[in-house]
Amino acid sequence: MSQRIKPATEAPGHDGLQDWPLRPWLYALIGGGAGLAVHLLFNGGAGSRAGSAIAAFAFFAALGLGFTLRPDRPRDSIIFSLGLGTVMAGIAFLAIDAGDRLAGEEFGFAAGVFFSLLAIPLFQSDFHRRRWATPYRETHFHVWTDAVSAGGALAFMLLSFALIWLLDALFILVGIELIGQLFRTDWFAGLFLGATFGAGLGVLRNQLAIIGTLQRVVMLVLSLLAVPFAAAILVFVVMLVFSGGDALWNATDSATPVLLACAIGCFVLVNVVVRDDDDSRSGNVVMQAAALVLAAAIFPLTVFAAVSMGIRIGQHGLSPERLWALVAIAIATAYGLAYWVAMARGRLAGWAHHLRRANLHLAAGSCLVALVLAFPWLDFGRISAKNQLARLDRGEVSVADFDFEALRWDFGEAGRRALARIAAGEGEAAQLAAEVQARAERYPVTDRRRSFDPGALALSFEDARLRGWVRSHVAANPWQCSPACVAIDLGQEGDRRRVALVSARSRELVAFRDDGLADLPAPVPAPPTPDTAIAPGDVEVRSFEGRQIFVNGRPVGEPFE
C-alpha cells in the first residue's frame, strides 16, 4: 500500500502550529482553577442547582479555552468559551431543577456534551465566519488533533497521579505523610488533577505540527482495519437480507445498539481511508473498494436498526430511552443517506469529495439538533406516557402485562399523572395502579421480565391485588415459573400473605409483605414427573396431618405446615 504522509508544515492549524511558551503555564492555571471549582462544588453542593451549574460552567469554559485559545485572537476564544460554559451551565441547572419531574434528563445533558464536542472544532476552523465555505481539511485536522491532544493530556494526568502516589508511599517510609494529607483535604485533589491535565494539554497544543503528522500515521494504521471490517459487514448484510431479517425479530433486545455501533465503526473507518483531501487518500484499489463498501453499508445498517427499534416499540410501546434511541438512529440514518447521495453524485472518481462536504454539513446540523434536544423543551416522558395509555385503552397490551412500574418511576411527572388517572378508575388496572402509586420504593424488576411469557402463569384465586403481586414477582423471577406454573393462595400467616408457585418439577413458597415485595426462600425440589404441562385443575391441597401440595395426585416438595 503506497501512500504519502504530508509533512507537518502542510497541515492546517493557524497559529496553533506556533510555539507559545506561556501556554503550558496558563493552561495549568486555568485547569487547576477549574478542577478546584468542580471538586469543591461537587463535594460541598452536590445536587444543588447553583452548584451543578457553576461546576459545569467552570469545566466547559476551561475546556473551551484549552482547545481554542489563540494568542493572536484571544477575545474570540474567550467569548466562545464563556458562551459554551454558560450553555452547559444552563443545561446542568435545568437538569437538576427538573429532578424527577422530567424523564431522561441525563440524556439531555449527554446531548449537551455532544454539542460541545462538535462546536469546538467548528469554532476552531472559523465556521462561524466562513460557514459553508469552511475548508473541510481544517475541520478534519482539528477533530483529530483535539482527540489526540485530549488523550495525551489525560494520560499525562494519570501518570502524574501515579507518580505522586508512588512518592507518597516512598515518603511514608521515612515518616513523611504530607502528600497523603494534602490529598485528603477538600481542595488539593481537584487542583492537582486539573493543573496536570492543563499543563499536559498546553504542551501538546504547542506541538500541533508534530501531532498533525502523528495523526496521519495513526490514521494510516487504522485504515488497515477497513478491509476486514468491510468484508465482515458485507457478509452480514447479505446474510441478513437473504434470511428475511429473522435476526431482527429474534434479537430485538440487542440488535439496535449493535447495529448502531457497527454503523459508527463504518463511519470512522471510511473517513480514516478518505482523509481530508484526495492527495492524502490511499491509492490502493482494495482500500478504496473497502471504503466504498463501508460508506454504502451505513445506510442499510441504520435502516436495520430502525426496523429493530420499530419491532421493540411495537411490542412494548414508547419510553424515554427508546425516543432518545430514535434520535440517534435518525442522525445515523441521515449520515448513511448523505453518503449514498455523495456516491451517486461523485461516482467512482469524485464521491470522496462529496462525502467530505456532507460530513461538514451533517456536523453543523447535528450540533444544532443536539443543542435543541439538550434543553428540556420536549418532554419525552409525556410523549411516552400518552403512548402507553393509548396502548392500554386500545387493548394492545393486557392489564397483566402493562408496566405500571415504568409510569411510576421512569416517565417523570407525566407518568405519575397518568398512573393517577388509571388509579382513579375501576377494575384490576385501577387496583394495580393504586398499589404501585402507594409504594415508597420500586419493585426490583429486571430485564428478565422481558422474556417472561405471561401465558405460563395460571392464577387459581381472584384477589386482584394479590394477582398483581404474583404477576410482578414472577415477571422479575421467571425461573420460578419454568416452563409453566400455577399460583395458589395459601392465606395469611402473621404479617405475610403466602402463595405457592407450583410447576411440574418444583414448588416455591413466596411470602408477600404489605407493600407487595416478597421474601424469597430457597427452591424446594420435587420428585420428577413424566408430564411438563400443568393446569389449575391438576393442582390440589390435601389435608393429612399438615398441608402439602399435590400435582396429579403426587406430593410436590415437603409439607409446608
Protein backbone atom coordinates (compact mmCIF):
# COMPACT_ATOMS: atom_id res chain seq x y z
CA MET A 1 0.00 0.00 0.00
CA SER A 2 1.57 3.20 -1.18
CA GLN A 3 0.55 6.42 0.48
CA ARG A 4 2.17 9.78 1.09
CA ILE A 5 2.19 11.28 4.58
CA LYS A 6 2.15 15.06 4.45
CA PRO A 7 4.85 16.86 6.40
CA ALA A 8 3.73 18.95 9.34
CA THR A 9 4.36 22.20 7.56
CA GLU A 10 1.49 21.43 5.17
CA ALA A 11 -1.02 20.81 7.92
CA PRO A 12 -3.59 23.46 8.73
CA GLY A 13 -3.97 24.86 12.19
CA HIS A 14 -3.43 28.63 12.03
CA ASP A 15 -1.24 29.92 14.83
CA GLY A 16 -1.77 26.66 16.71
CA LEU A 17 1.35 25.43 14.94
CA GLN A 18 3.33 28.22 16.61
CA ASP A 19 5.11 27.62 19.89
CA TRP A 20 3.58 29.77 22.63
CA PRO A 21 5.85 29.40 25.71
CA LEU A 22 3.22 30.81 28.07
CA ARG A 23 0.62 28.23 27.03
CA PRO A 24 1.51 25.33 29.42
CA TRP A 25 1.68 27.63 32.44
CA LEU A 26 -1.54 29.42 31.53
CA TYR A 27 -3.35 26.14 30.87
CA ALA A 28 -2.13 24.71 34.18
CA LEU A 29 -3.54 27.77 35.94
CA ILE A 30 -6.87 27.53 34.10
CA GLY A 31 -7.09 23.76 34.59
CA GLY A 32 -6.16 23.97 38.26
CA GLY A 33 -8.78 26.64 38.91
CA ALA A 34 -11.46 24.70 37.05
CA GLY A 35 -10.54 21.44 38.80
CA LEU A 36 -10.61 23.12 42.19
CA ALA A 37 -14.01 24.70 41.47
CA VAL A 38 -15.54 21.45 40.23
CA HIS A 39 -14.14 19.48 43.16
CA LEU A 40 -15.36 21.93 45.80
CA LEU A 41 -18.78 22.39 44.23
CA PHE A 42 -19.46 18.69 43.80
CA ASN A 43 -18.32 17.88 47.31
CA GLY A 44 -19.87 20.87 49.04
CA GLY A 45 -23.00 21.46 46.99
CA ALA A 46 -23.65 18.15 45.30
CA GLY A 47 -27.11 18.00 43.83
CA SER A 48 -27.83 21.72 44.18
CA ARG A 49 -28.88 23.62 41.09
CA ALA A 50 -26.46 26.51 41.54
CA GLY A 51 -23.52 24.27 42.47
CA SER A 52 -24.03 21.98 39.48
CA ALA A 53 -24.44 24.94 37.11
CA ILE A 54 -21.26 26.66 38.32
CA ALA A 55 -19.31 23.40 38.15
CA ALA A 56 -20.50 22.80 34.57
CA PHE A 57 -19.60 26.38 33.65
CA ALA A 58 -16.08 26.06 35.09
CA PHE A 59 -15.43 22.71 33.42
CA PHE A 60 -16.69 23.51 29.92
CA ALA A 61 -15.40 27.08 29.83
CA ALA A 62 -11.92 25.81 30.78
CA LEU A 63 -12.21 23.02 28.21
CA GLY A 64 -13.18 25.52 25.53
CA LEU A 65 -10.23 27.74 26.37
CA GLY A 66 -7.87 24.78 26.36
CA PHE A 67 -8.70 23.88 22.77
CA THR A 68 -9.45 27.28 21.21
CA LEU A 69 -7.26 29.89 22.91
CA ARG A 70 -5.06 31.68 20.38
CA PRO A 71 -2.55 34.44 21.20
CA ASP A 72 -3.47 36.45 18.10
CA ARG A 73 -7.25 36.37 18.76
CA PRO A 74 -7.77 35.80 22.49
CA ARG A 75 -11.04 37.73 22.61
CA ASP A 76 -12.84 35.38 20.21
CA SER A 77 -11.69 32.33 22.15
CA ILE A 78 -12.71 33.83 25.50
CA ILE A 79 -16.17 34.80 24.21
CA PHE A 80 -16.71 31.34 22.71
CA SER A 81 -15.52 29.55 25.86
CA LEU A 82 -17.65 31.69 28.17
CA GLY A 83 -20.63 31.09 25.88
CA LEU A 84 -20.01 27.34 25.87
CA GLY A 85 -19.71 27.32 29.66
CA THR A 86 -22.91 29.34 30.00
CA VAL A 87 -24.85 26.98 27.73
CA MET A 88 -23.69 23.89 29.63
CA ALA A 89 -24.35 25.61 32.97
CA GLY A 90 -27.92 26.29 31.84
CA ILE A 91 -28.38 22.68 30.75
CA ALA A 92 -26.99 21.40 34.07
CA PHE A 93 -29.18 23.82 36.05
CA LEU A 94 -32.34 22.72 34.22
CA ALA A 95 -31.43 19.03 34.57
CA ILE A 96 -31.00 19.34 38.34
CA ASP A 97 -34.01 21.63 38.65
CA ALA A 98 -36.20 19.13 36.80
CA GLY A 99 -35.26 16.39 39.24
CA ASP A 100 -37.64 13.51 38.64
CA ARG A 101 -40.28 15.75 37.06
CA LEU A 102 -38.82 15.04 33.64
CA ALA A 103 -37.71 11.69 32.30
CA GLY A 104 -34.24 11.10 30.88
CA GLU A 105 -32.61 14.36 31.94
CA GLU A 106 -29.26 12.56 31.84
CA PHE A 107 -29.74 12.05 28.10
CA GLY A 108 -30.36 15.78 27.72
CA PHE A 109 -27.07 16.57 29.42
CA ALA A 110 -25.33 13.98 27.22
CA ALA A 111 -26.76 15.79 24.19
CA GLY A 112 -25.20 18.99 25.55
CA VAL A 113 -21.82 17.27 25.81
CA PHE A 114 -22.21 16.04 22.22
CA PHE A 115 -22.99 19.61 21.16
CA SER A 116 -19.79 20.82 22.87
CA LEU A 117 -17.64 18.19 21.17
CA LEU A 118 -18.94 19.30 17.77
CA ALA A 119 -18.94 23.05 18.47
CA ILE A 120 -15.24 23.22 19.45
CA PRO A 121 -13.72 22.00 16.14
CA LEU A 122 -16.29 24.00 14.16
CA PHE A 123 -15.20 27.15 16.01
CA GLN A 124 -11.53 26.27 15.57
CA SER A 125 -11.99 26.14 11.79
CA ASP A 126 -13.84 29.52 11.80
CA PHE A 127 -17.16 28.00 10.76
CA HIS A 128 -18.93 30.91 12.48
CA ARG A 129 -17.32 33.24 9.93
CA ARG A 130 -16.94 31.17 6.78
CA ARG A 131 -19.97 28.93 7.28
CA TRP A 132 -20.36 26.53 4.31
CA ALA A 133 -17.17 27.87 2.72
CA THR A 134 -15.18 26.40 5.61
CA PRO A 135 -12.45 24.08 4.25
CA TYR A 136 -13.18 20.52 5.28
CA ARG A 137 -9.45 19.91 5.65
CA GLU A 138 -9.23 22.31 8.59
CA THR A 139 -12.23 20.87 10.42
CA HIS A 140 -10.91 17.35 9.89
CA PHE A 141 -7.49 18.40 11.20
CA HIS A 142 -8.92 19.94 14.37
CA VAL A 143 -11.20 16.97 15.14
CA TRP A 144 -8.32 14.52 15.10
CA THR A 145 -5.70 16.72 16.78
CA ASP A 146 -8.18 17.61 19.52
CA ALA A 147 -8.77 13.92 20.16
CA VAL A 148 -5.05 13.14 20.24
CA SER A 149 -4.33 16.15 22.48
CA ALA A 150 -7.10 15.24 24.92
CA GLY A 151 -5.94 11.62 25.09
CA GLY A 152 -2.34 12.68 25.69
CA ALA A 153 -3.30 15.19 28.38
CA LEU A 154 -5.42 12.58 30.15
CA ALA A 155 -2.54 10.09 30.04
CA PHE A 156 -0.18 12.74 31.47
CA MET A 157 -2.66 13.49 34.28
CA LEU A 158 -2.97 9.81 35.20
CA LEU A 159 0.79 9.30 35.08
CA SER A 160 1.27 12.35 37.30
CA PHE A 161 -1.22 10.96 39.79
CA ALA A 162 0.55 7.58 39.76
CA LEU A 163 3.90 9.30 40.30
CA ILE A 164 2.70 11.36 43.25
CA TRP A 165 1.08 8.27 44.75
CA LEU A 166 4.44 6.49 44.46
CA LEU A 167 6.24 9.43 46.07
CA ASP A 168 3.71 9.41 48.89
CA ALA A 169 4.43 5.72 49.53
CA LEU A 170 8.17 6.47 49.43
CA PHE A 171 7.96 9.36 51.89
CA ILE A 172 5.80 7.35 54.27
CA LEU A 173 8.77 5.00 54.70
CA VAL A 174 10.66 7.85 56.38
CA GLY A 175 7.65 9.14 58.29
CA ILE A 176 6.56 11.97 55.96
CA GLU A 177 2.81 11.90 55.26
CA LEU A 178 2.43 15.35 53.73
CA ILE A 179 1.27 14.22 50.25
CA GLY A 180 -1.35 11.86 51.65
CA GLN A 181 -2.64 14.57 53.96
CA LEU A 182 -2.89 17.01 51.03
CA PHE A 183 -4.99 14.56 49.01
CA ARG A 184 -7.31 14.11 51.98
CA THR A 185 -8.10 17.83 52.03
CA ASP A 186 -11.13 19.30 50.26
CA TRP A 187 -9.16 21.20 47.65
CA PHE A 188 -5.87 19.57 46.63
CA ALA A 189 -7.12 16.63 44.52
CA GLY A 190 -9.17 18.80 42.16
CA LEU A 191 -6.41 21.39 41.90
CA PHE A 192 -3.72 18.78 41.16
CA LEU A 193 -5.72 16.85 38.56
CA GLY A 194 -6.90 20.00 36.78
CA ALA A 195 -3.44 21.57 36.75
CA THR A 196 -1.70 18.45 35.42
CA PHE A 197 -4.31 17.98 32.70
CA GLY A 198 -4.00 21.63 31.72
CA ALA A 199 -0.21 21.55 31.69
CA GLY A 200 -0.15 18.43 29.55
CA LEU A 201 -2.69 19.90 27.17
CA GLY A 202 -0.70 23.14 26.92
CA VAL A 203 2.49 21.32 25.97
CA LEU A 204 0.69 19.20 23.38
CA ARG A 205 -1.13 22.18 21.84
CA ASN A 206 2.27 23.78 21.27
CA GLN A 207 3.23 20.73 19.21
CA LEU A 208 0.30 20.56 16.80
CA ALA A 209 2.66 20.29 13.83
CA ILE A 210 4.10 17.06 15.25
CA ILE A 211 0.66 15.87 16.37
CA GLY A 212 -0.66 16.50 12.86
CA THR A 213 1.98 14.19 11.43
CA LEU A 214 1.35 11.62 14.19
CA GLN A 215 -2.37 11.81 13.45
CA ARG A 216 -1.72 10.83 9.84
CA VAL A 217 0.40 7.88 10.94
CA VAL A 218 -2.38 6.76 13.30
CA MET A 219 -4.94 7.03 10.51
CA LEU A 220 -2.69 5.02 8.21
CA VAL A 221 -2.53 2.24 10.79
CA LEU A 222 -6.28 2.37 11.46
CA SER A 223 -7.02 2.15 7.76
CA LEU A 224 -5.69 -1.42 7.82
CA LEU A 225 -8.87 -2.37 9.69
CA ALA A 226 -11.08 -1.10 6.88
CA VAL A 227 -10.66 -4.13 4.61
CA PRO A 228 -11.56 -6.93 7.08
CA PHE A 229 -14.34 -4.84 8.64
CA ALA A 230 -15.83 -4.06 5.23
CA ALA A 231 -15.75 -7.74 4.31
CA ALA A 232 -17.47 -8.72 7.56
CA ILE A 233 -20.15 -6.03 7.17
CA LEU A 234 -20.79 -7.10 3.58
CA VAL A 235 -21.26 -10.74 4.64
CA PHE A 236 -23.59 -9.69 7.46
CA VAL A 237 -25.79 -7.50 5.23
CA VAL A 238 -26.08 -10.21 2.55
CA MET A 239 -26.96 -12.91 5.10
CA LEU A 240 -29.47 -10.67 6.85
CA VAL A 241 -31.21 -9.82 3.57
CA PHE A 242 -31.40 -13.46 2.48
CA SER A 243 -32.63 -14.58 5.91
CA GLY A 244 -35.58 -12.22 5.67
CA GLY A 245 -34.48 -10.25 8.72
CA ASP A 246 -35.13 -13.07 11.20
CA ALA A 247 -32.26 -11.86 13.39
CA LEU A 248 -34.06 -8.55 13.96
CA TRP A 249 -37.19 -10.36 15.09
CA ASN A 250 -35.38 -12.83 17.34
CA ALA A 251 -32.87 -10.45 18.98
CA THR A 252 -34.65 -7.13 19.39
CA ASP A 253 -33.07 -6.53 22.82
CA SER A 254 -29.53 -6.25 21.46
CA ALA A 255 -29.87 -5.70 17.71
CA THR A 256 -30.31 -1.93 17.77
CA PRO A 257 -27.17 -0.95 19.76
CA VAL A 258 -25.05 -3.49 17.88
CA LEU A 259 -26.21 -2.20 14.50
CA LEU A 260 -25.62 1.42 15.51
CA ALA A 261 -22.16 0.56 16.84
CA CYS A 262 -21.31 -1.10 13.51
CA ALA A 263 -22.59 1.96 11.62
CA ILE A 264 -20.33 4.18 13.75
CA GLY A 265 -17.42 1.84 13.04
CA CYS A 266 -18.12 2.15 9.30
CA PHE A 267 -18.24 5.95 9.62
CA VAL A 268 -14.90 6.13 11.43
CA LEU A 269 -13.07 3.74 9.12
CA VAL A 270 -14.37 5.20 5.87
CA ASN A 271 -13.20 8.66 6.97
CA VAL A 272 -9.85 7.19 8.00
CA VAL A 273 -9.41 5.96 4.43
CA VAL A 274 -10.89 9.03 2.69
CA ARG A 275 -8.84 11.51 4.80
CA ASP A 276 -9.12 15.25 4.34
CA ASP A 277 -8.31 15.52 0.61
CA ASP A 278 -7.65 13.35 -2.43
CA ASP A 279 -3.86 13.79 -2.17
CA SER A 280 -3.83 12.14 1.26
CA ARG A 281 -6.31 9.43 0.28
CA SER A 282 -4.96 5.92 -0.20
CA GLY A 283 -4.31 4.94 -3.80
CA ASN A 284 -4.65 1.24 -3.06
CA VAL A 285 -7.51 -0.30 -5.06
CA VAL A 286 -8.51 -2.73 -2.31
CA MET A 287 -8.54 0.06 0.26
CA GLN A 288 -10.71 2.26 -1.96
CA ALA A 289 -13.12 -0.62 -2.54
CA ALA A 290 -13.33 -1.21 1.23
CA ALA A 291 -14.10 2.47 1.77
CA LEU A 292 -16.92 2.28 -0.79
CA VAL A 293 -18.40 -0.77 0.93
CA LEU A 294 -18.20 0.90 4.35
CA ALA A 295 -19.77 4.11 3.08
CA ALA A 296 -22.57 2.18 1.38
CA ALA A 297 -23.19 -0.03 4.44
CA ILE A 298 -24.01 2.77 6.88
CA PHE A 299 -27.48 3.41 5.44
CA PRO A 300 -28.72 -0.23 5.47
CA LEU A 301 -27.27 -0.76 8.96
CA THR A 302 -29.18 2.24 10.30
CA VAL A 303 -32.34 1.12 8.48
CA PHE A 304 -32.00 -2.30 10.11
CA ALA A 305 -31.53 -0.55 13.46
CA ALA A 306 -34.70 1.45 12.83
CA VAL A 307 -36.60 -1.74 11.98
CA SER A 308 -35.30 -3.41 15.13
CA MET A 309 -36.35 -0.45 17.26
CA GLY A 310 -39.73 -0.40 15.49
CA ILE A 311 -40.26 -4.02 16.48
CA ARG A 312 -39.38 -3.18 20.06
CA ILE A 313 -41.76 -0.21 20.12
CA GLY A 314 -44.49 -2.32 18.56
CA GLN A 315 -44.07 -4.87 21.33
CA HIS A 316 -43.67 -2.56 24.33
CA GLY A 317 -44.58 0.96 23.22
CA LEU A 318 -42.61 4.16 23.63
CA SER A 319 -40.32 5.05 26.51
CA PRO A 320 -37.93 7.98 27.00
CA GLU A 321 -34.94 5.73 26.32
CA ARG A 322 -36.46 4.48 23.07
CA LEU A 323 -37.24 8.02 21.95
CA TRP A 324 -33.61 9.02 22.52
CA ALA A 325 -32.57 5.89 20.61
CA LEU A 326 -34.80 7.03 17.74
CA VAL A 327 -32.98 10.38 17.73
CA ALA A 328 -29.63 8.59 17.47
CA ILE A 329 -30.99 6.36 14.69
CA ALA A 330 -32.31 9.39 12.79
CA ILE A 331 -28.92 11.15 12.91
CA ALA A 332 -27.09 7.98 11.86
CA THR A 333 -29.59 7.40 9.03
CA ALA A 334 -29.03 10.97 7.81
CA TYR A 335 -25.31 10.24 7.55
CA GLY A 336 -25.95 6.97 5.72
CA LEU A 337 -28.34 8.59 3.25
CA ALA A 338 -25.97 11.54 2.68
CA TYR A 339 -23.17 9.09 1.88
CA TRP A 340 -25.35 7.36 -0.71
CA VAL A 341 -26.10 10.76 -2.28
CA ALA A 342 -22.37 11.55 -2.28
CA MET A 343 -21.59 8.29 -4.08
CA ALA A 344 -24.36 8.90 -6.61
CA ARG A 345 -23.19 12.46 -7.32
CA GLY A 346 -19.47 11.78 -7.47
CA ARG A 347 -19.44 8.30 -8.96
CA LEU A 348 -16.17 6.42 -8.55
CA ALA A 349 -13.97 9.40 -9.34
CA GLY A 350 -15.32 12.16 -7.10
CA TRP A 351 -17.51 10.54 -4.41
CA ALA A 352 -14.94 11.21 -1.66
CA HIS A 353 -15.12 14.97 -2.25
CA HIS A 354 -18.91 14.99 -1.86
CA LEU A 355 -18.63 12.76 1.21
CA ARG A 356 -16.31 15.26 2.90
CA ARG A 357 -18.70 18.14 2.21
CA ALA A 358 -21.55 16.03 3.57
CA ASN A 359 -19.55 15.48 6.77
CA LEU A 360 -19.24 19.23 7.29
CA HIS A 361 -22.94 19.90 6.68
CA LEU A 362 -24.04 16.99 8.88
CA ALA A 363 -21.68 18.01 11.70
CA ALA A 364 -23.19 21.51 11.78
CA GLY A 365 -26.72 20.11 11.62
CA SER A 366 -26.07 17.51 14.33
CA CYS A 367 -24.56 20.22 16.52
CA LEU A 368 -27.74 22.29 16.23
CA VAL A 369 -30.03 19.29 16.86
CA ALA A 370 -28.02 18.31 19.94
CA LEU A 371 -28.27 21.85 21.31
CA VAL A 372 -32.05 21.91 20.84
CA LEU A 373 -32.55 18.50 22.45
CA ALA A 374 -30.23 19.31 25.36
CA PHE A 375 -32.79 21.73 26.77
CA PRO A 376 -36.00 20.20 28.22
CA TRP A 377 -38.33 21.68 25.65
CA LEU A 378 -39.55 18.24 24.60
CA ASP A 379 -40.87 16.06 27.43
CA PHE A 380 -40.16 12.53 26.25
CA GLY A 381 -41.82 11.23 29.42
CA ARG A 382 -45.12 12.88 28.49
CA ILE A 383 -44.96 11.51 24.94
CA SER A 384 -44.20 8.02 26.25
CA ALA A 385 -46.93 8.09 28.90
CA LYS A 386 -49.53 9.16 26.34
CA ASN A 387 -48.48 6.33 24.04
CA GLN A 388 -48.60 3.74 26.81
CA LEU A 389 -52.07 4.83 27.94
CA ALA A 390 -53.32 4.66 24.36
CA ARG A 391 -51.97 1.10 24.03
CA LEU A 392 -53.75 0.09 27.23
CA ASP A 393 -57.03 1.71 26.16
CA ARG A 394 -56.92 0.05 22.74
CA GLY A 395 -56.22 -3.35 24.26
CA GLU A 396 -52.81 -3.67 22.59
CA VAL A 397 -51.41 -4.66 25.98
CA SER A 398 -53.24 -6.54 28.72
CA VAL A 399 -53.56 -5.26 32.25
CA ALA A 400 -51.37 -8.15 33.41
CA ASP A 401 -48.56 -7.15 31.05
CA PHE A 402 -48.84 -3.39 31.41
CA ASP A 403 -45.77 -1.81 33.01
CA PHE A 404 -47.23 0.32 35.81
CA GLU A 405 -43.75 0.48 37.36
CA ALA A 406 -42.42 2.41 34.35
CA LEU A 407 -45.17 5.03 34.67
CA ARG A 408 -44.33 5.50 38.33
CA TRP A 409 -40.56 5.60 38.12
CA ASP A 410 -39.35 6.14 34.52
CA PHE A 411 -41.67 8.67 32.87
CA GLY A 412 -41.35 11.61 35.24
CA GLU A 413 -44.26 13.71 36.44
CA ALA A 414 -46.24 12.97 33.27
CA GLY A 415 -46.04 9.25 34.02
CA ARG A 416 -47.18 9.72 37.61
CA ARG A 417 -50.15 11.80 36.43
CA ALA A 418 -51.07 9.02 34.01
CA LEU A 419 -50.76 6.45 36.79
CA ALA A 420 -53.05 8.56 38.98
CA ARG A 421 -55.68 8.69 36.21
CA ILE A 422 -55.61 4.89 35.94
CA ALA A 423 -55.81 4.52 39.72
CA ALA A 424 -58.86 6.80 39.81
CA GLY A 425 -60.75 4.38 37.57
CA GLU A 426 -62.21 0.97 38.30
CA GLY A 427 -61.22 -2.65 37.84
CA GLU A 428 -57.99 -4.57 38.08
CA ALA A 429 -55.96 -1.87 36.31
CA ALA A 430 -57.02 0.72 38.88
CA GLN A 431 -56.11 -1.60 41.76
CA LEU A 432 -52.67 -2.38 40.34
CA ALA A 433 -52.03 1.30 39.57
CA ALA A 434 -53.02 2.29 43.11
CA GLU A 435 -50.70 -0.36 44.54
CA VAL A 436 -47.72 0.90 42.53
CA GLN A 437 -48.66 4.51 43.29
CA ALA A 438 -48.58 3.83 47.03
CA ARG A 439 -45.13 2.24 47.08
CA ALA A 440 -42.19 4.12 48.57
CA GLU A 441 -39.65 2.20 46.50
CA ARG A 442 -39.52 0.48 43.17
CA TYR A 443 -40.09 -3.22 42.86
CA PRO A 444 -36.81 -4.76 41.64
CA VAL A 445 -37.91 -5.80 38.17
CA THR A 446 -35.01 -6.84 35.96
CA ASP A 447 -34.62 -7.40 32.27
CA ARG A 448 -35.70 -10.99 32.80
CA ARG A 449 -39.25 -9.64 32.80
CA ARG A 450 -38.92 -9.06 29.08
CA SER A 451 -38.50 -12.76 28.36
CA PHE A 452 -41.32 -13.97 30.62
CA ASP A 453 -44.36 -15.48 28.89
CA PRO A 454 -47.50 -14.34 30.79
CA GLY A 455 -49.36 -17.38 29.48
CA ALA A 456 -47.07 -19.63 31.51
CA LEU A 457 -48.61 -18.40 34.77
CA ALA A 458 -52.07 -19.60 35.86
CA LEU A 459 -53.76 -17.99 38.88
CA SER A 460 -56.21 -20.00 40.97
CA PHE A 461 -57.59 -17.08 43.03
CA GLU A 462 -59.50 -13.85 42.31
CA ASP A 463 -57.86 -11.34 44.68
CA ALA A 464 -56.84 -8.57 42.23
CA ARG A 465 -54.17 -7.09 44.45
CA LEU A 466 -52.55 -10.46 45.13
CA ARG A 467 -52.75 -11.35 41.44
CA GLY A 468 -50.81 -8.16 40.66
CA TRP A 469 -48.19 -9.01 43.27
CA VAL A 470 -47.72 -12.50 41.88
CA ARG A 471 -47.51 -11.34 38.26
CA SER A 472 -44.87 -8.72 39.13
CA HIS A 473 -42.91 -11.24 41.19
CA VAL A 474 -42.90 -13.94 38.52
CA ALA A 475 -42.07 -11.42 35.80
CA ALA A 476 -38.99 -10.45 37.82
CA ASN A 477 -38.12 -14.09 38.61
CA PRO A 478 -39.23 -16.17 35.61
CA TRP A 479 -37.06 -19.09 36.66
CA GLN A 480 -39.60 -19.75 39.44
CA CYS A 481 -42.26 -20.45 36.81
CA SER A 482 -40.46 -22.53 34.20
CA PRO A 483 -41.73 -23.82 31.89
CA ALA A 484 -45.17 -23.13 33.42
CA CYS A 485 -46.69 -22.89 36.87
CA VAL A 486 -49.88 -22.42 38.88
CA ALA A 487 -50.13 -19.91 41.74
CA ILE A 488 -52.35 -20.87 44.66
CA ASP A 489 -53.25 -18.70 47.65
CA LEU A 490 -52.15 -20.24 50.96
CA GLY A 491 -53.69 -17.48 53.04
CA GLN A 492 -52.35 -15.10 55.66
CA GLU A 493 -49.64 -16.05 58.13
CA GLY A 494 -48.74 -13.27 60.54
CA ASP A 495 -47.88 -10.17 58.51
CA ARG A 496 -47.21 -12.20 55.35
CA ARG A 497 -49.52 -13.32 52.54
CA ARG A 498 -48.31 -16.70 51.33
CA VAL A 499 -48.52 -18.01 47.79
CA ALA A 500 -47.27 -21.27 46.31
CA LEU A 501 -45.86 -21.33 42.77
CA VAL A 502 -46.23 -24.92 41.59
CA SER A 503 -44.67 -26.35 38.45
CA ALA A 504 -44.36 -29.94 37.30
CA ARG A 505 -40.88 -30.20 38.80
CA SER A 506 -40.84 -27.94 41.85
CA ARG A 507 -42.80 -25.69 44.11
CA GLU A 508 -41.89 -22.31 45.55
CA LEU A 509 -43.37 -20.70 48.65
CA VAL A 510 -43.42 -16.91 48.39
CA ALA A 511 -44.35 -14.65 51.30
CA PHE A 512 -45.56 -11.17 50.34
CA ARG A 513 -45.32 -8.16 52.61
CA ASP A 514 -47.99 -5.46 52.69
CA ASP A 515 -46.05 -3.43 50.09
CA GLY A 516 -46.13 -6.28 47.59
CA LEU A 517 -42.45 -7.22 47.95
CA ALA A 518 -41.64 -10.85 48.54
CA ASP A 519 -39.34 -12.82 50.82
CA LEU A 520 -37.54 -15.30 48.59
CA PRO A 521 -36.99 -18.77 50.05
CA ALA A 522 -34.66 -21.34 48.53
CA PRO A 523 -36.25 -23.54 45.83
CA VAL A 524 -37.68 -26.86 47.04
CA PRO A 525 -37.12 -29.65 44.51
CA ALA A 526 -39.78 -32.26 43.84
CA PRO A 527 -39.63 -35.82 42.54
CA PRO A 528 -39.51 -35.87 38.73
CA THR A 529 -42.82 -36.39 36.96
CA PRO A 530 -43.38 -37.50 33.38
CA ASP A 531 -45.60 -34.57 32.44
CA THR A 532 -44.43 -30.99 31.95
CA ALA A 533 -47.79 -29.42 31.11
CA ILE A 534 -49.80 -28.25 34.10
CA ALA A 535 -53.25 -26.69 34.51
CA PRO A 536 -55.13 -25.25 37.50
CA GLY A 537 -57.17 -28.42 37.78
CA ASP A 538 -54.03 -30.51 38.21
CA VAL A 539 -53.09 -28.74 41.45
CA GLU A 540 -54.79 -29.51 44.77
CA VAL A 541 -54.25 -29.07 48.50
CA ARG A 542 -54.87 -32.21 50.56
CA SER A 543 -55.21 -32.42 54.32
CA PHE A 544 -53.30 -35.05 56.23
CA GLU A 545 -51.50 -34.04 59.41
CA GLY A 546 -50.40 -30.87 57.76
CA ARG A 547 -50.74 -29.34 54.34
CA GLN A 548 -48.83 -30.29 51.25
CA ILE A 549 -49.07 -29.56 47.56
CA PHE A 550 -50.07 -32.35 45.15
CA VAL A 551 -49.82 -32.39 41.35
CA ASN A 552 -51.83 -35.10 39.57
CA GLY A 553 -52.20 -36.87 42.88
CA ARG A 554 -48.49 -36.86 43.68
CA PRO A 555 -46.95 -34.82 46.51
CA VAL A 556 -44.65 -31.97 45.44
CA GLY A 557 -41.97 -31.00 47.93
CA GLU A 558 -42.26 -31.18 51.68
CA PRO A 559 -45.33 -30.24 53.73
CA PHE A 560 -45.36 -26.52 54.42
CA GLU A 561 -47.42 -26.79 57.60
